[in-house]
Amino acid sequence: MIHLKSLIGILLVATLSLTSCKKDEATVTENLTAEWNSTSVKIDGVASPATTTMFLHLQSSKQYEITTNITPFSQAKSGLWSNTDDKLTLAGNAWTIHHIADKELRIEFVLDGKDLEIEFAK
């Protein structure tokens, strides 16, 4: 009987140890912190030319770098970023986060009355 109680105790401790090691779901901030490459850029629902690309690097230090390429031009910008569950703020502009998953991000912003939607992949 003592051996059975010891065995049950060991199994219980092992089960609790395995359960506590289970990885928690990443937060929105953790999911955002990455290097992102645009896969789609749309203005008012119309796809931009394939030569329009964006690279966005959101760092854990809350610094960001973004490079926009519209052949033959390129523009880089950097600064601080912040977020809530459904907003990503870059340079004071609050983008709506429509979708964020492990390797996908879709954000939207209205600029001069035009709806700008960008899809990114890690």
PDB file of N, CA and C in Angstrom:
ATOM      1  N   MET A   1       0.816  -1.177   0.000  1.00  0.00           N
ATOM      2  CA  MET A   1       0.000   0.000   0.000  1.00  0.00           C
ATOM      3  C   MET A   1       0.872   1.259   0.000  1.00  0.00           C
ATOM      4  N   ILE A   2       1.969   1.233   0.759  1.00  0.00           N
ATOM      5  CA  ILE A   2       2.872   2.380   0.810  1.00  0.00           C
ATOM      6  C   ILE A   2       3.508   2.592  -0.554  1.00  0.00           C
ATOM      7  N   HIS A   3       3.866   1.499  -1.250  1.00  0.00           N
ATOM      8  CA  HIS A   3       4.462   1.615  -2.581  1.00  0.00           C
ATOM      9  C   HIS A   3       3.472   2.230  -3.563  1.00  0.00           C
ATOM     10  N   LEU A   4       2.212   1.860  -3.450  1.00  0.00           N
ATOM     11  CA  LEU A   4       1.183   2.394  -4.336  1.00  0.00           C
ATOM     12  C   LEU A   4       1.012   3.899  -4.108  1.00  0.00           C
ATOM     13  N   LYS A   5       1.004   4.326  -2.835  1.00  0.00           N
ATOM     14  CA  LYS A   5       0.892   5.758  -2.532  1.00  0.00           C
ATOM     15  C   LYS A   5       2.115   6.507  -3.052  1.00  0.00           C
ATOM     16  N   SER A   6       3.294   5.919  -2.916  1.00  0.00           N
ATOM     17  CA  SER A   6       4.513   6.552  -3.416  1.00  0.00           C
ATOM     18  C   SER A   6       4.463   6.685  -4.934  1.00  0.00           C
ATOM     19  N   LEU A   7       4.013   5.627  -5.599  1.00  0.00           N
ATOM     20  CA  LEU A   7       3.907   5.638  -7.053  1.00  0.00           C
ATOM     21  C   LEU A   7       2.906   6.700  -7.512  1.00  0.00           C
ATOM     22  N   ILE A   8       1.762   6.778  -6.857  1.00  0.00           N
ATOM     23  CA  ILE A   8       0.752   7.783  -7.196  1.00  0.00           C
ATOM     24  C   ILE A   8       1.320   9.184  -6.967  1.00  0.00           C
ATOM     25  N   GLY A   9       2.046   9.368  -5.876  1.00  0.00           N
ATOM     26  CA  GLY A   9       2.668  10.665  -5.582  1.00  0.00           C
ATOM     27  C   GLY A   9       3.670  11.067  -6.652  1.00  0.00           C
ATOM     28  N   ILE A  10       4.497  10.126  -7.071  1.00  0.00           N
ATOM     29  CA  ILE A  10       5.495  10.400  -8.112  1.00  0.00           C
ATOM     30  C   ILE A  10       4.809  10.754  -9.426  1.00  0.00           C
ATOM     31  N   LEU A  11       3.781   9.992  -9.798  1.00  0.00           N
ATOM     32  CA  LEU A  11       3.045  10.270 -11.033  1.00  0.00           C
ATOM     33  C   LEU A  11       2.358  11.632 -10.982  1.00  0.00           C
ATOM     34  N   LEU A  12       1.816  11.975  -9.834  1.00  0.00           N
ATOM     35  CA  LEU A  12       1.154  13.268  -9.677  1.00  0.00           C
ATOM     36  C   LEU A  12       2.158  14.408  -9.839  1.00  0.00           C
ATOM     37  N   VAL A  13       3.320  14.293  -9.211  1.00  0.00           N
ATOM     38  CA  VAL A  13       4.357  15.318  -9.330  1.00  0.00           C
ATOM     39  C   VAL A  13       4.838  15.415 -10.780  1.00  0.00           C
ATOM     40  N   ALA A  14       5.035  14.288 -11.442  1.00  0.00           N
ATOM     41  CA  ALA A  14       5.479  14.287 -12.837  1.00  0.00           C
ATOM     42  C   ALA A  14       4.443  14.947 -13.738  1.00  0.00           C
ATOM     43  N   THR A  15       3.169  14.659 -13.514  1.00  0.00           N
ATOM     44  CA  THR A  15       2.098  15.256 -14.311  1.00  0.00           C
ATOM     45  C   THR A  15       2.055  16.762 -14.115  1.00  0.00           C
ATOM     46  N   LEU A  16       2.159  17.210 -12.877  1.00  0.00           N
ATOM     47  CA  LEU A  16       2.154  18.646 -12.603  1.00  0.00           C
ATOM     48  C   LEU A  16       3.370  19.327 -13.215  1.00  0.00           C
ATOM     49  N   SER A  17       4.513  18.666 -13.195  1.00  0.00           N
ATOM     50  CA  SER A  17       5.724  19.232 -13.784  1.00  0.00           C
ATOM     51  C   SER A  17       5.566  19.399 -15.283  1.00  0.00           C
ATOM     52  N   LEU A  18       5.010  18.404 -15.946  1.00  0.00           N
ATOM     53  CA  LEU A  18       4.804  18.485 -17.391  1.00  0.00           C
ATOM     54  C   LEU A  18       3.782  19.555 -17.733  1.00  0.00           C
ATOM     55  N   THR A  19       2.741  19.667 -16.946  1.00  0.00           N
ATOM     56  CA  THR A  19       1.713  20.670 -17.198  1.00  0.00           C
ATOM     57  C   THR A  19       2.273  22.069 -17.032  1.00  0.00           C
ATOM     58  N   SER A  20       3.103  22.297 -16.033  1.00  0.00           N
ATOM     59  CA  SER A  20       3.648  23.634 -15.806  1.00  0.00           C
ATOM     60  C   SER A  20       4.685  24.009 -16.854  1.00  0.00           C
ATOM     61  N   CYS A  21       5.240  23.057 -17.578  1.00  0.00           N
ATOM     62  CA  CYS A  21       6.210  23.343 -18.624  1.00  0.00           C
ATOM     63  C   CYS A  21       5.537  23.701 -19.944  1.00  0.00           C
ATOM     64  N   LYS A  22       4.247  23.480 -20.038  1.00  0.00           N
ATOM     65  CA  LYS A  22       3.523  23.757 -21.267  1.00  0.00           C
ATOM     66  C   LYS A  22       3.657  25.237 -21.604  1.00  0.00           C
ATOM     67  N   LYS A  23       4.016  25.545 -22.866  1.00  0.00           N
ATOM     68  CA  LYS A  23       4.234  26.921 -23.285  1.00  0.00           C
ATOM     69  C   LYS A  23       2.910  27.673 -23.342  1.00  0.00           C
ATOM     70  N   ASP A  24       2.912  28.858 -22.740  1.00  0.00           N
ATOM     71  CA  ASP A  24       1.735  29.710 -22.801  1.00  0.00           C
ATOM     72  C   ASP A  24       1.625  30.316 -24.195  1.00  0.00           C
ATOM     73  N   GLU A  25       0.414  30.710 -24.564  1.00  0.00           N
ATOM     74  CA  GLU A  25       0.198  31.377 -25.839  1.00  0.00           C
ATOM     75  C   GLU A  25       0.950  32.710 -25.834  1.00  0.00           C
ATOM     76  N   ALA A  26       1.510  33.062 -26.972  1.00  0.00           N
ATOM     77  CA  ALA A  26       2.227  34.327 -27.086  1.00  0.00           C
ATOM     78  C   ALA A  26       1.242  35.492 -27.033  1.00  0.00           C
ATOM     79  N   THR A  27       1.677  36.595 -26.457  1.00  0.00           N
ATOM     80  CA  THR A  27       0.846  37.795 -26.414  1.00  0.00           C
ATOM     81  C   THR A  27       0.874  38.469 -27.788  1.00  0.00           C
ATOM     82  N   VAL A  28      -0.009  39.426 -27.991  1.00  0.00           N
ATOM     83  CA  VAL A  28      -0.020  40.180 -29.245  1.00  0.00           C
ATOM     84  C   VAL A  28       1.333  40.862 -29.443  1.00  0.00           C
ATOM     85  N   THR A  29       1.865  41.450 -28.384  1.00  0.00           N
ATOM     86  CA  THR A  29       3.165  42.124 -28.471  1.00  0.00           C
ATOM     87  C   THR A  29       4.260  41.147 -28.878  1.00  0.00           C
ATOM     88  N   GLU A  30       4.265  39.959 -28.284  1.00  0.00           N
ATOM     89  CA  GLU A  30       5.273  38.950 -28.647  1.00  0.00           C
ATOM     90  C   GLU A  30       5.112  38.519 -30.097  1.00  0.00           C
ATOM     91  N   ASN A  31       3.866  38.369 -30.560  1.00  0.00           N
ATOM     92  CA  ASN A  31       3.633  37.998 -31.961  1.00  0.00           C
ATOM     93  C   ASN A  31       4.061  39.102 -32.916  1.00  0.00           C
ATOM     94  N   LEU A  32       3.867  40.352 -32.530  1.00  0.00           N
ATOM     95  CA  LEU A  32       4.240  41.476 -33.392  1.00  0.00           C
ATOM     96  C   LEU A  32       5.747  41.635 -33.512  1.00  0.00           C
ATOM     97  N   THR A  33       6.474  41.328 -32.448  1.00  0.00           N
ATOM     98  CA  THR A  33       7.919  41.540 -32.419  1.00  0.00           C
ATOM     99  C   THR A  33       8.598  40.560 -33.371  1.00  0.00           C
ATOM    100  N   ALA A  34       8.977  41.088 -34.550  1.00  0.00           N
ATOM    101  CA  ALA A  34       9.556  40.232 -35.593  1.00  0.00           C
ATOM    102  C   ALA A  34       9.979  41.093 -36.776  1.00  0.00           C
ATOM    103  N   GLU A  35      10.527  40.427 -37.781  1.00  0.00           N
ATOM    104  CA  GLU A  35      10.808  41.058 -39.067  1.00  0.00           C
ATOM    105  C   GLU A  35       9.709  40.621 -40.024  1.00  0.00           C
ATOM    106  N   TRP A  36       9.011  41.595 -40.612  1.00  0.00           N
ATOM    107  CA  TRP A  36       7.859  41.334 -41.468  1.00  0.00           C
ATOM    108  C   TRP A  36       8.131  41.837 -42.889  1.00  0.00           C
ATOM    109  N   ASN A  37       7.759  41.032 -43.876  1.00  0.00           N
ATOM    110  CA  ASN A  37       7.841  41.423 -45.282  1.00  0.00           C
ATOM    111  C   ASN A  37       6.437  41.455 -45.855  1.00  0.00           C
ATOM    112  N   SER A  38       6.110  42.522 -46.580  1.00  0.00           N
ATOM    113  CA  SER A  38       4.761  42.627 -47.136  1.00  0.00           C
ATOM    114  C   SER A  38       4.534  41.557 -48.201  1.00  0.00           C
ATOM    115  N   THR A  39       3.326  41.018 -48.208  1.00  0.00           N
ATOM    116  CA  THR A  39       2.918  40.063 -49.241  1.00  0.00           C
ATOM    117  C   THR A  39       1.816  40.660 -50.102  1.00  0.00           C
ATOM    118  N   SER A  40       1.169  41.715 -49.586  1.00  0.00           N
ATOM    119  CA  SER A  40       0.089  42.371 -50.313  1.00  0.00           C
ATOM    120  C   SER A  40      -0.070  43.789 -49.783  1.00  0.00           C
ATOM    121  N   VAL A  41      -0.178  44.734 -50.704  1.00  0.00           N
ATOM    122  CA  VAL A  41      -0.454  46.125 -50.353  1.00  0.00           C
ATOM    123  C   VAL A  41      -1.652  46.553 -51.193  1.00  0.00           C
ATOM    124  N   LYS A  42      -2.726  46.987 -50.525  1.00  0.00           N
ATOM    125  CA  LYS A  42      -3.938  47.405 -51.230  1.00  0.00           C
ATOM    126  C   LYS A  42      -4.324  48.818 -50.809  1.00  0.00           C
ATOM    127  N   ILE A  43      -4.748  49.599 -51.794  1.00  0.00           N
ATOM    128  CA  ILE A  43      -5.274  50.935 -51.533  1.00  0.00           C
ATOM    129  C   ILE A  43      -6.712  50.944 -52.030  1.00  0.00           C
ATOM    130  N   ASP A  44      -7.647  51.184 -51.109  1.00  0.00           N
ATOM    131  CA  ASP A  44      -9.083  51.107 -51.408  1.00  0.00           C
ATOM    132  C   ASP A  44      -9.446  49.789 -52.088  1.00  0.00           C
ATOM    133  N   GLY A  45      -8.839  48.706 -51.629  1.00  0.00           N
ATOM    134  CA  GLY A  45      -9.148  47.372 -52.134  1.00  0.00           C
ATOM    135  C   GLY A  45      -8.460  46.998 -53.430  1.00  0.00           C
ATOM    136  N   VAL A  46      -7.700  47.911 -54.013  1.00  0.00           N
ATOM    137  CA  VAL A  46      -7.005  47.652 -55.278  1.00  0.00           C
ATOM    138  C   VAL A  46      -5.545  47.324 -54.975  1.00  0.00           C
ATOM    139  N   ALA A  47      -5.083  46.195 -55.497  1.00  0.00           N
ATOM    140  CA  ALA A  47      -3.707  45.758 -55.245  1.00  0.00           C
ATOM    141  C   ALA A  47      -2.707  46.719 -55.878  1.00  0.00           C
ATOM    142  N   SER A  48      -1.675  47.053 -55.121  1.00  0.00           N
ATOM    143  CA  SER A  48      -0.576  47.865 -55.644  1.00  0.00           C
ATOM    144  C   SER A  48       0.292  46.986 -56.533  1.00  0.00           C
ATOM    145  N   PRO A  49       1.098  47.597 -57.409  1.00  0.00           N
ATOM    146  CA  PRO A  49       1.985  46.791 -58.257  1.00  0.00           C
ATOM    147  C   PRO A  49       2.901  45.899 -57.413  1.00  0.00           C
ATOM    148  N   ALA A  50       3.307  44.793 -57.979  1.00  0.00           N
ATOM    149  CA  ALA A  50       4.181  43.843 -57.275  1.00  0.00           C
ATOM    150  C   ALA A  50       5.504  44.485 -56.878  1.00  0.00           C
ATOM    151  N   THR A  51       5.864  45.579 -57.525  1.00  0.00           N
ATOM    152  CA  THR A  51       7.119  46.266 -57.193  1.00  0.00           C
ATOM    153  C   THR A  51       6.994  47.111 -55.928  1.00  0.00           C
ATOM    154  N   THR A  52       5.785  47.202 -55.367  1.00  0.00           N
ATOM    155  CA  THR A  52       5.573  47.916 -54.107  1.00  0.00           C
ATOM    156  C   THR A  52       5.748  46.930 -52.962  1.00  0.00           C
ATOM    157  N   THR A  53       6.787  47.108 -52.179  1.00  0.00           N
ATOM    158  CA  THR A  53       7.050  46.204 -51.058  1.00  0.00           C
ATOM    159  C   THR A  53       7.376  47.005 -49.806  1.00  0.00           C
ATOM    160  N   MET A  54       7.159  46.364 -48.673  1.00  0.00           N
ATOM    161  CA  MET A  54       7.478  46.988 -47.391  1.00  0.00           C
ATOM    162  C   MET A  54       8.165  45.969 -46.499  1.00  0.00           C
ATOM    163  N   PHE A  55       9.150  46.452 -45.762  1.00  0.00           N
ATOM    164  CA  PHE A  55       9.829  45.641 -44.761  1.00  0.00           C
ATOM    165  C   PHE A  55       9.635  46.352 -43.432  1.00  0.00           C
ATOM    166  N   LEU A  56       9.126  45.642 -42.438  1.00  0.00           N
ATOM    167  CA  LEU A  56       8.846  46.208 -41.121  1.00  0.00           C
ATOM    168  C   LEU A  56       9.541  45.361 -40.064  1.00  0.00           C
ATOM    169  N   HIS A  57      10.393  46.007 -39.278  1.00  0.00           N
ATOM    170  CA  HIS A  57      11.096  45.306 -38.196  1.00  0.00           C
ATOM    171  C   HIS A  57      10.639  45.915 -36.879  1.00  0.00           C
ATOM    172  N   LEU A  58       9.851  45.155 -36.126  1.00  0.00           N
ATOM    173  CA  LEU A  58       9.387  45.575 -34.803  1.00  0.00           C
ATOM    174  C   LEU A  58      10.265  44.885 -33.767  1.00  0.00           C
ATOM    175  N   GLN A  59      11.038  45.666 -33.046  1.00  0.00           N
ATOM    176  CA  GLN A  59      12.004  45.122 -32.103  1.00  0.00           C
ATOM    177  C   GLN A  59      11.429  45.070 -30.691  1.00  0.00           C
ATOM    178  N   SER A  60      11.934  44.164 -29.883  1.00  0.00           N
ATOM    179  CA  SER A  60      11.460  44.019 -28.503  1.00  0.00           C
ATOM    180  C   SER A  60      11.763  45.264 -27.664  1.00  0.00           C
ATOM    181  N   SER A  61      12.720  46.073 -28.089  1.00  0.00           N
ATOM    182  CA  SER A  61      13.049  47.327 -27.399  1.00  0.00           C
ATOM    183  C   SER A  61      12.022  48.422 -27.691  1.00  0.00           C
ATOM    184  N   LYS A  62      11.005  48.083 -28.498  1.00  0.00           N
ATOM    185  CA  LYS A  62       9.947  49.006 -28.943  1.00  0.00           C
ATOM    186  C   LYS A  62      10.440  50.001 -29.994  1.00  0.00           C
ATOM    187  N   GLN A  63      11.602  49.738 -30.574  1.00  0.00           N
ATOM    188  CA  GLN A  63      12.079  50.488 -31.734  1.00  0.00           C
ATOM    189  C   GLN A  63      11.534  49.798 -32.981  1.00  0.00           C
ATOM    190  N   TYR A  64      11.312  50.564 -34.041  1.00  0.00           N
ATOM    191  CA  TYR A  64      10.911  49.951 -35.301  1.00  0.00           C
ATOM    192  C   TYR A  64      11.684  50.580 -36.448  1.00  0.00           C
ATOM    193  N   GLU A  65      11.782  49.827 -37.520  1.00  0.00           N
ATOM    194  CA  GLU A  65      12.337  50.307 -38.781  1.00  0.00           C
ATOM    195  C   GLU A  65      11.372  49.853 -39.859  1.00  0.00           C
ATOM    196  N   ILE A  66      11.047  50.745 -40.784  1.00  0.00           N
ATOM    197  CA  ILE A  66      10.190  50.362 -41.901  1.00  0.00           C
ATOM    198  C   ILE A  66      10.811  50.918 -43.174  1.00  0.00           C
ATOM    199  N   THR A  67      10.864  50.088 -44.192  1.00  0.00           N
ATOM    200  CA  THR A  67      11.374  50.499 -45.491  1.00  0.00           C
ATOM    201  C   THR A  67      10.290  50.232 -46.518  1.00  0.00           C
ATOM    202  N   THR A  68       9.941  51.271 -47.253  1.00  0.00           N
ATOM    203  CA  THR A  68       8.947  51.163 -48.318  1.00  0.00           C
ATOM    204  C   THR A  68       9.673  51.270 -49.648  1.00  0.00           C
ATOM    205  N   ASN A  69       9.438  50.302 -50.518  1.00  0.00           N
ATOM    206  CA  ASN A  69      10.050  50.294 -51.844  1.00  0.00           C
ATOM    207  C   ASN A  69       8.955  50.388 -52.898  1.00  0.00           C
ATOM    208  N   ILE A  70       9.005  51.449 -53.671  1.00  0.00           N
ATOM    209  CA  ILE A  70       8.143  51.597 -54.839  1.00  0.00           C
ATOM    210  C   ILE A  70       9.111  51.893 -55.974  1.00  0.00           C
ATOM    211  N   THR A  71       9.436  50.867 -56.730  1.00  0.00           N
ATOM    212  CA  THR A  71      10.489  50.957 -57.739  1.00  0.00           C
ATOM    213  C   THR A  71      10.285  52.194 -58.596  1.00  0.00           C
ATOM    214  N   PRO A  72      11.293  53.015 -58.745  1.00  0.00           N
ATOM    215  CA  PRO A  72      12.693  52.866 -58.353  1.00  0.00           C
ATOM    216  C   PRO A  72      13.032  53.563 -57.037  1.00  0.00           C
ATOM    217  N   PHE A  73      12.037  53.928 -56.230  1.00  0.00           N
ATOM    218  CA  PHE A  73      12.277  54.688 -55.007  1.00  0.00           C
ATOM    219  C   PHE A  73      12.242  53.798 -53.765  1.00  0.00           C
ATOM    220  N   SER A  74      12.952  54.252 -52.741  1.00  0.00           N
ATOM    221  CA  SER A  74      12.972  53.544 -51.466  1.00  0.00           C
ATOM    222  C   SER A  74      12.996  54.589 -50.353  1.00  0.00           C
ATOM    223  N   GLN A  75      12.205  54.357 -49.312  1.00  0.00           N
ATOM    224  CA  GLN A  75      12.178  55.281 -48.180  1.00  0.00           C
ATOM    225  C   GLN A  75      12.224  54.476 -46.890  1.00  0.00           C
ATOM    226  N   ALA A  76      13.099  54.884 -45.987  1.00  0.00           N
ATOM    227  CA  ALA A  76      13.235  54.215 -44.689  1.00  0.00           C
ATOM    228  C   ALA A  76      12.823  55.180 -43.584  1.00  0.00           C
ATOM    229  N   LYS A  77      12.259  54.633 -42.537  1.00  0.00           N
ATOM    230  CA  LYS A  77      11.843  55.426 -41.379  1.00  0.00           C
ATOM    231  C   LYS A  77      12.036  54.561 -40.142  1.00  0.00           C
ATOM    232  N   SER A  78      12.298  55.209 -39.011  1.00  0.00           N
ATOM    233  CA  SER A  78      12.437  54.468 -37.759  1.00  0.00           C
ATOM    234  C   SER A  78      11.849  55.303 -36.633  1.00  0.00           C
ATOM    235  N   GLY A  79      11.614  54.660 -35.512  1.00  0.00           N
ATOM    236  CA  GLY A  79      11.051  55.341 -34.360  1.00  0.00           C
ATOM    237  C   GLY A  79      10.620  54.347 -33.312  1.00  0.00           C
ATOM    238  N   LEU A  80       9.653  54.746 -32.495  1.00  0.00           N
ATOM    239  CA  LEU A  80       9.121  53.885 -31.441  1.00  0.00           C
ATOM    240  C   LEU A  80       7.755  53.355 -31.846  1.00  0.00           C
ATOM    241  N   TRP A  81       7.457  52.137 -31.423  1.00  0.00           N
ATOM    242  CA  TRP A  81       6.146  51.548 -31.686  1.00  0.00           C
ATOM    243  C   TRP A  81       5.506  51.127 -30.376  1.00  0.00           C
ATOM    244  N   SER A  82       4.178  51.010 -30.416  1.00  0.00           N
ATOM    245  CA  SER A  82       3.425  50.507 -29.268  1.00  0.00           C
ATOM    246  C   SER A  82       2.204  49.777 -29.803  1.00  0.00           C
ATOM    247  N   ASN A  83       1.523  49.078 -28.921  1.00  0.00           N
ATOM    248  CA  ASN A  83       0.334  48.352 -29.363  1.00  0.00           C
ATOM    249  C   ASN A  83      -0.640  48.123 -28.221  1.00  0.00           C
ATOM    250  N   THR A  84      -1.884  47.877 -28.628  1.00  0.00           N
ATOM    251  CA  THR A  84      -2.914  47.326 -27.762  1.00  0.00           C
ATOM    252  C   THR A  84      -3.333  46.043 -28.464  1.00  0.00           C
ATOM    253  N   ASP A  85      -4.383  45.407 -27.999  1.00  0.00           N
ATOM    254  CA  ASP A  85      -4.790  44.149 -28.631  1.00  0.00           C
ATOM    255  C   ASP A  85      -5.161  44.310 -30.101  1.00  0.00           C
ATOM    256  N   ASP A  86      -5.731  45.471 -30.482  1.00  0.00           N
ATOM    257  CA  ASP A  86      -6.178  45.620 -31.871  1.00  0.00           C
ATOM    258  C   ASP A  86      -5.591  46.834 -32.585  1.00  0.00           C
ATOM    259  N   LYS A  87      -4.590  47.478 -32.011  1.00  0.00           N
ATOM    260  CA  LYS A  87      -3.957  48.651 -32.631  1.00  0.00           C
ATOM    261  C   LYS A  87      -2.439  48.532 -32.568  1.00  0.00           C
ATOM    262  N   LEU A  88      -1.792  48.935 -33.664  1.00  0.00           N
ATOM    263  CA  LEU A  88      -0.339  49.032 -33.745  1.00  0.00           C
ATOM    264  C   LEU A  88      -0.031  50.486 -34.072  1.00  0.00           C
ATOM    265  N   THR A  89       0.694  51.164 -33.197  1.00  0.00           N
ATOM    266  CA  THR A  89       0.993  52.577 -33.400  1.00  0.00           C
ATOM    267  C   THR A  89       2.442  52.740 -33.848  1.00  0.00           C
ATOM    268  N   LEU A  90       2.592  53.355 -35.036  1.00  0.00           N
ATOM    269  CA  LEU A  90       3.895  53.656 -35.620  1.00  0.00           C
ATOM    270  C   LEU A  90       3.918  55.143 -35.943  1.00  0.00           C
ATOM    271  N   ALA A  91       4.909  55.867 -35.472  1.00  0.00           N
ATOM    272  CA  ALA A  91       5.049  57.300 -35.754  1.00  0.00           C
ATOM    273  C   ALA A  91       3.769  58.064 -35.438  1.00  0.00           C
ATOM    274  N   GLY A  92       3.083  57.674 -34.371  1.00  0.00           N
ATOM    275  CA  GLY A  92       1.863  58.357 -33.960  1.00  0.00           C
ATOM    276  C   GLY A  92       0.612  57.954 -34.713  1.00  0.00           C
ATOM    277  N   ASN A  93       0.747  57.089 -35.714  1.00  0.00           N
ATOM    278  CA  ASN A  93      -0.399  56.613 -36.495  1.00  0.00           C
ATOM    279  C   ASN A  93      -0.858  55.258 -35.971  1.00  0.00           C
ATOM    280  N   ALA A  94      -2.135  55.170 -35.610  1.00  0.00           N
ATOM    281  CA  ALA A  94      -2.682  53.919 -35.055  1.00  0.00           C
ATOM    282  C   ALA A  94      -3.280  53.078 -36.176  1.00  0.00           C
ATOM    283  N   TRP A  95      -2.614  51.980 -36.491  1.00  0.00           N
ATOM    284  CA  TRP A  95      -3.079  51.020 -37.494  1.00  0.00           C
ATOM    285  C   TRP A  95      -3.977  50.000 -36.806  1.00  0.00           C
ATOM    286  N   THR A  96      -5.048  49.603 -37.464  1.00  0.00           N
ATOM    287  CA  THR A  96      -5.923  48.562 -36.931  1.00  0.00           C
ATOM    288  C   THR A  96      -5.338  47.204 -37.289  1.00  0.00           C
ATOM    289  N   ILE A  97      -5.191  46.345 -36.290  1.00  0.00           N
ATOM    290  CA  ILE A  97      -4.718  44.975 -36.527  1.00  0.00           C
ATOM    291  C   ILE A  97      -5.948  44.122 -36.820  1.00  0.00           C
ATOM    292  N   HIS A  98      -6.089  43.691 -38.080  1.00  0.00           N
ATOM    293  CA  HIS A  98      -7.230  42.859 -38.452  1.00  0.00           C
ATOM    294  C   HIS A  98      -6.955  41.378 -38.222  1.00  0.00           C
ATOM    295  N   HIS A  99      -5.690  41.005 -38.336  1.00  0.00           N
ATOM    296  CA  HIS A  99      -5.340  39.588 -38.184  1.00  0.00           C
ATOM    297  C   HIS A  99      -3.885  39.501 -37.750  1.00  0.00           C
ATOM    298  N   ILE A 100      -3.650  38.664 -36.764  1.00  0.00           N
ATOM    299  CA  ILE A 100      -2.273  38.349 -36.391  1.00  0.00           C
ATOM    300  C   ILE A 100      -2.243  36.887 -35.982  1.00  0.00           C
ATOM    301  N   ALA A 101      -1.325  36.169 -36.577  1.00  0.00           N
ATOM    302  CA  ALA A 101      -1.124  34.755 -36.264  1.00  0.00           C
ATOM    303  C   ALA A 101       0.384  34.545 -36.177  1.00  0.00           C
ATOM    304  N   ASP A 102       0.775  33.313 -36.026  1.00  0.00           N
ATOM    305  CA  ASP A 102       2.185  32.992 -35.832  1.00  0.00           C
ATOM    306  C   ASP A 102       3.091  33.649 -36.876  1.00  0.00           C
ATOM    307  N   LYS A 103       2.712  33.592 -38.138  1.00  0.00           N
ATOM    308  CA  LYS A 103       3.579  34.112 -39.201  1.00  0.00           C
ATOM    309  C   LYS A 103       2.864  35.081 -40.136  1.00  0.00           C
ATOM    310  N   GLU A 104       1.691  35.572 -39.743  1.00  0.00           N
ATOM    311  CA  GLU A 104       0.912  36.462 -40.602  1.00  0.00           C
ATOM    312  C   GLU A 104       0.424  37.679 -39.828  1.00  0.00           C
ATOM    313  N   LEU A 105       0.388  38.815 -40.526  1.00  0.00           N
ATOM    314  CA  LEU A 105      -0.095  40.064 -39.944  1.00  0.00           C
ATOM    315  C   LEU A 105      -0.823  40.841 -41.033  1.00  0.00           C
ATOM    316  N   ARG A 106      -2.013  41.343 -40.722  1.00  0.00           N
ATOM    317  CA  ARG A 106      -2.752  42.210 -41.645  1.00  0.00           C
ATOM    318  C   ARG A 106      -3.180  43.452 -40.874  1.00  0.00           C
ATOM    319  N   ILE A 107      -2.746  44.623 -41.361  1.00  0.00           N
ATOM    320  CA  ILE A 107      -3.069  45.884 -40.701  1.00  0.00           C
ATOM    321  C   ILE A 107      -3.721  46.837 -41.702  1.00  0.00           C
ATOM    322  N   GLU A 108      -4.437  47.835 -41.152  1.00  0.00           N
ATOM    323  CA  GLU A 108      -5.153  48.786 -42.003  1.00  0.00           C
ATOM    324  C   GLU A 108      -5.071  50.183 -41.393  1.00  0.00           C
ATOM    325  N   PHE A 109      -5.011  51.172 -42.286  1.00  0.00           N
ATOM    326  CA  PHE A 109      -4.950  52.569 -41.866  1.00  0.00           C
ATOM    327  C   PHE A 109      -5.629  53.416 -42.936  1.00  0.00           C
ATOM    328  N   VAL A 110      -6.370  54.432 -42.526  1.00  0.00           N
ATOM    329  CA  VAL A 110      -6.988  55.349 -43.481  1.00  0.00           C
ATOM    330  C   VAL A 110      -6.095  56.581 -43.573  1.00  0.00           C
ATOM    331  N   LEU A 111      -5.604  56.841 -44.783  1.00  0.00           N
ATOM    332  CA  LEU A 111      -4.677  57.936 -45.034  1.00  0.00           C
ATOM    333  C   LEU A 111      -5.246  58.812 -46.143  1.00  0.00           C
ATOM    334  N   ASP A 112      -5.501  60.061 -45.843  1.00  0.00           N
ATOM    335  CA  ASP A 112      -6.084  60.999 -46.815  1.00  0.00           C
ATOM    336  C   ASP A 112      -7.349  60.434 -47.457  1.00  0.00           C
ATOM    337  N   GLY A 113      -8.185  59.790 -46.644  1.00  0.00           N
ATOM    338  CA  GLY A 113      -9.438  59.229 -47.132  1.00  0.00           C
ATOM    339  C   GLY A 113      -9.294  57.925 -47.896  1.00  0.00           C
ATOM    340  N   LYS A 114      -8.083  57.427 -48.021  1.00  0.00           N
ATOM    341  CA  LYS A 114      -7.822  56.166 -48.732  1.00  0.00           C
ATOM    342  C   LYS A 114      -7.557  55.064 -47.717  1.00  0.00           C
ATOM    343  N   ASP A 115      -8.166  53.909 -47.950  1.00  0.00           N
ATOM    344  CA  ASP A 115      -8.004  52.752 -47.074  1.00  0.00           C
ATOM    345  C   ASP A 115      -6.754  51.984 -47.493  1.00  0.00           C
ATOM    346  N   LEU A 116      -5.749  51.963 -46.644  1.00  0.00           N
ATOM    347  CA  LEU A 116      -4.494  51.268 -46.923  1.00  0.00           C
ATOM    348  C   LEU A 116      -4.449  49.991 -46.096  1.00  0.00           C
ATOM    349  N   GLU A 117      -4.380  48.845 -46.767  1.00  0.00           N
ATOM    350  CA  GLU A 117      -4.317  47.546 -46.087  1.00  0.00           C
ATOM    351  C   GLU A 117      -3.045  46.827 -46.524  1.00  0.00           C
ATOM    352  N   ILE A 118      -2.289  46.352 -45.534  1.00  0.00           N
ATOM    353  CA  ILE A 118      -1.028  45.669 -45.817  1.00  0.00           C
ATOM    354  C   ILE A 118      -1.027  44.318 -45.123  1.00  0.00           C
ATOM    355  N   GLU A 119      -0.670  43.295 -45.880  1.00  0.00           N
ATOM    356  CA  GLU A 119      -0.486  41.954 -45.321  1.00  0.00           C
ATOM    357  C   GLU A 119       1.006  41.673 -45.289  1.00  0.00           C
ATOM    358  N   PHE A 120       1.448  41.113 -44.170  1.00  0.00           N
ATOM    359  CA  PHE A 120       2.857  40.788 -43.974  1.00  0.00           C
ATOM    360  C   PHE A 120       3.013  39.309 -43.628  1.00  0.00           C
ATOM    361  N   ALA A 121       4.203  38.798 -43.872  1.00  0.00           N
ATOM    362  CA  ALA A 121       4.580  37.449 -43.438  1.00  0.00           C
ATOM    363  C   ALA A 121       5.961  37.533 -42.803  1.00  0.00           C
ATOM    364  N   LYS A 122       6.199  36.645 -41.825  1.00  0.00           N
ATOM    365  CA  LYS A 122       7.521  36.587 -41.173  1.00  0.00           C
ATOM    366  C   LYS A 122       8.467  35.853 -42.087  1.00  0.00           C
TER     367      LYS A 122
END
